[in-house]
């Protein structure tokens, strides 16, 4: 789901440089409303993350932020990517 409807954000500058809106890395997955129970369970298993509703759409977004939280998710995902998103994933690891 991360490779198709997900986003990995890796900041290029600190918050004071370049006017970046976010200065911390995060992983975000957008999913349909019918998958909400799945993501609630995923959040329970991971022990981290939060879910927000996308206004005007039958969709939600699942976010994982924070180095410690991301490290747990990175360990689960490492070696699983098969699309060009793997480059951003490696940047996140570095």
C-alpha atoms as a PDB file:
ATOM      1  CA  UNK A   1       0.000   0.000   0.000  1.00  0.00           C
ATOM      2  CA  UNK A   2       2.916   2.336   0.631  1.00  0.00           C
ATOM      3  CA  UNK A   3       4.289   1.803  -2.855  1.00  0.00           C
ATOM      4  CA  UNK A   4       0.999   2.648  -4.554  1.00  0.00           C
ATOM      5  CA  UNK A   5      -0.863   5.081  -2.287  1.00  0.00           C
ATOM      6  CA  UNK A   6       1.878   6.077   0.106  1.00  0.00           C
ATOM      7  CA  UNK A   7       4.347   8.878   0.489  1.00  0.00           C
ATOM      8  CA  UNK A   8       7.741   8.961   2.153  1.00  0.00           C
ATOM      9  CA  UNK A   9       8.889  12.441   3.123  1.00  0.00           C
ATOM     10  CA  UNK A  10      12.568  13.046   3.794  1.00  0.00           C
ATOM     11  CA  UNK A  11      13.417  16.704   4.544  1.00  0.00           C
ATOM     12  CA  UNK A  12      16.282  18.227   2.594  1.00  0.00           C
ATOM     13  CA  UNK A  13      16.787  21.207   4.912  1.00  0.00           C
ATOM     14  CA  UNK A  14      16.367  21.956   8.558  1.00  0.00           C
ATOM     15  CA  UNK A  15      13.320  23.990   9.550  1.00  0.00           C
ATOM     16  CA  UNK A  16      15.324  27.219   9.517  1.00  0.00           C
ATOM     17  CA  UNK A  17      16.749  26.606   6.058  1.00  0.00           C
ATOM     18  CA  UNK A  18      14.831  26.769   2.822  1.00  0.00           C
ATOM     19  CA  UNK A  19      11.464  27.471   4.438  1.00  0.00           C
ATOM     20  CA  UNK A  20      10.511  23.783   4.571  1.00  0.00           C
ATOM     21  CA  UNK A  21       7.085  23.191   6.067  1.00  0.00           C
ATOM     22  CA  UNK A  22       8.213  19.998   7.844  1.00  0.00           C
ATOM     23  CA  UNK A  23      11.659  19.366   9.251  1.00  0.00           C
ATOM     24  CA  UNK A  24      11.082  15.747  10.239  1.00  0.00           C
ATOM     25  CA  UNK A  25      10.648  12.615   8.121  1.00  0.00           C
ATOM     26  CA  UNK A  26       7.345  10.760   7.946  1.00  0.00           C
ATOM     27  CA  UNK A  27       5.538   8.009   6.066  1.00  0.00           C
ATOM     28  CA  UNK A  28       1.956   8.547   4.942  1.00  0.00           C
ATOM     29  CA  UNK A  29      -0.511   6.111   3.360  1.00  0.00           C
ATOM     30  CA  UNK A  30      -3.833   7.186   1.835  1.00  0.00           C
ATOM     31  CA  UNK A  31      -6.573   4.564   1.929  1.00  0.00           C
ATOM     32  CA  UNK A  32     -10.301   4.145   1.285  1.00  0.00           C
ATOM     33  CA  UNK A  33     -12.810   4.386   4.129  1.00  0.00           C
ATOM     34  CA  UNK A  34     -13.601   0.663   3.890  1.00  0.00           C
ATOM     35  CA  UNK A  35      -9.983  -0.088   4.928  1.00  0.00           C
ATOM     36  CA  UNK A  36     -10.252   1.883   8.187  1.00  0.00           C
ATOM     37  CA  UNK A  37     -10.499  -1.271  10.388  1.00  0.00           C
ATOM     38  CA  UNK A  38      -7.314  -2.599   8.770  1.00  0.00           C
ATOM     39  CA  UNK A  39      -5.396   0.572   9.572  1.00  0.00           C
ATOM     40  CA  UNK A  40      -6.784   0.746  13.095  1.00  0.00           C
ATOM     41  CA  UNK A  41      -5.427  -2.775  13.600  1.00  0.00           C
ATOM     42  CA  UNK A  42      -2.106  -1.824  11.987  1.00  0.00           C
ATOM     43  CA  UNK A  43      -1.822   1.144  14.327  1.00  0.00           C
ATOM     44  CA  UNK A  44      -2.540  -1.162  17.270  1.00  0.00           C
ATOM     45  CA  UNK A  45       0.115  -3.668  16.164  1.00  0.00           C
ATOM     46  CA  UNK A  46       2.751  -0.978  15.515  1.00  0.00           C
ATOM     47  CA  UNK A  47       1.852   0.930  18.668  1.00  0.00           C
ATOM     48  CA  UNK A  48       2.222   4.181  16.764  1.00  0.00           C
ATOM     49  CA  UNK A  49       0.766   6.377  14.043  1.00  0.00           C
ATOM     50  CA  UNK A  50      -2.321   8.470  13.644  1.00  0.00           C
ATOM     51  CA  UNK A  51      -5.197   8.606  11.172  1.00  0.00           C
ATOM     52  CA  UNK A  52      -6.813  11.702   9.686  1.00  0.00           C
ATOM     53  CA  UNK A  53      -9.836  11.984   7.402  1.00  0.00           C
ATOM     54  CA  UNK A  54      -9.417  13.456   3.927  1.00  0.00           C
ATOM     55  CA  UNK A  55     -12.141  16.077   3.576  1.00  0.00           C
ATOM     56  CA  UNK A  56     -14.375  15.738   0.543  1.00  0.00           C
ATOM     57  CA  UNK A  57     -13.318  12.166  -0.189  1.00  0.00           C
ATOM     58  CA  UNK A  58     -14.061   8.687   1.092  1.00  0.00           C
ATOM     59  CA  UNK A  59     -10.489   8.409   2.270  1.00  0.00           C
ATOM     60  CA  UNK A  60      -8.197   8.607   5.272  1.00  0.00           C
ATOM     61  CA  UNK A  61      -4.464   9.077   5.754  1.00  0.00           C
ATOM     62  CA  UNK A  62      -2.288   7.049   8.089  1.00  0.00           C
ATOM     63  CA  UNK A  63       0.869   8.824   9.301  1.00  0.00           C
ATOM     64  CA  UNK A  64       3.932   7.547  11.128  1.00  0.00           C
ATOM     65  CA  UNK A  65       6.267  10.268  12.392  1.00  0.00           C
ATOM     66  CA  UNK A  66       9.216  10.370  14.742  1.00  0.00           C
ATOM     67  CA  UNK A  67      12.546   8.617  14.447  1.00  0.00           C
ATOM     68  CA  UNK A  68      11.790   5.829  16.934  1.00  0.00           C
ATOM     69  CA  UNK A  69       8.408   5.100  15.339  1.00  0.00           C
ATOM     70  CA  UNK A  70       9.850   5.198  11.830  1.00  0.00           C
ATOM     71  CA  UNK A  71      12.683   2.855  12.781  1.00  0.00           C
ATOM     72  CA  UNK A  72      10.171   0.163  13.765  1.00  0.00           C
ATOM     73  CA  UNK A  73       8.334   0.561  10.467  1.00  0.00           C
ATOM     74  CA  UNK A  74      11.584   0.680   8.475  1.00  0.00           C
ATOM     75  CA  UNK A  75      12.634  -2.653   9.978  1.00  0.00           C
ATOM     76  CA  UNK A  76       9.357  -4.205   8.808  1.00  0.00           C
ATOM     77  CA  UNK A  77       9.532  -2.703   5.306  1.00  0.00           C
ATOM     78  CA  UNK A  78      13.234  -3.032   4.511  1.00  0.00           C
ATOM     79  CA  UNK A  79      13.768  -5.329   1.525  1.00  0.00           C
ATOM     80  CA  UNK A  80      10.117  -5.223   0.421  1.00  0.00           C
ATOM     81  CA  UNK A  81      10.102  -2.271  -2.014  1.00  0.00           C
ATOM     82  CA  UNK A  82      10.097  -3.040  -5.750  1.00  0.00           C
ATOM     83  CA  UNK A  83       9.311   0.358  -7.298  1.00  0.00           C
ATOM     84  CA  UNK A  84      11.364   3.563  -7.715  1.00  0.00           C
ATOM     85  CA  UNK A  85      10.052   4.580  -4.279  1.00  0.00           C
ATOM     86  CA  UNK A  86      12.919   2.442  -2.937  1.00  0.00           C
ATOM     87  CA  UNK A  87      15.268   5.390  -3.576  1.00  0.00           C
ATOM     88  CA  UNK A  88      13.316   7.630  -1.216  1.00  0.00           C
ATOM     89  CA  UNK A  89      13.109   4.756   1.275  1.00  0.00           C
ATOM     90  CA  UNK A  90      16.920   4.440   1.229  1.00  0.00           C
ATOM     91  CA  UNK A  91      17.195   8.207   1.737  1.00  0.00           C
ATOM     92  CA  UNK A  92      14.928   7.833   4.769  1.00  0.00           C
ATOM     93  CA  UNK A  93      17.181   5.107   6.168  1.00  0.00           C
ATOM     94  CA  UNK A  94      20.289   7.226   5.638  1.00  0.00           C
END
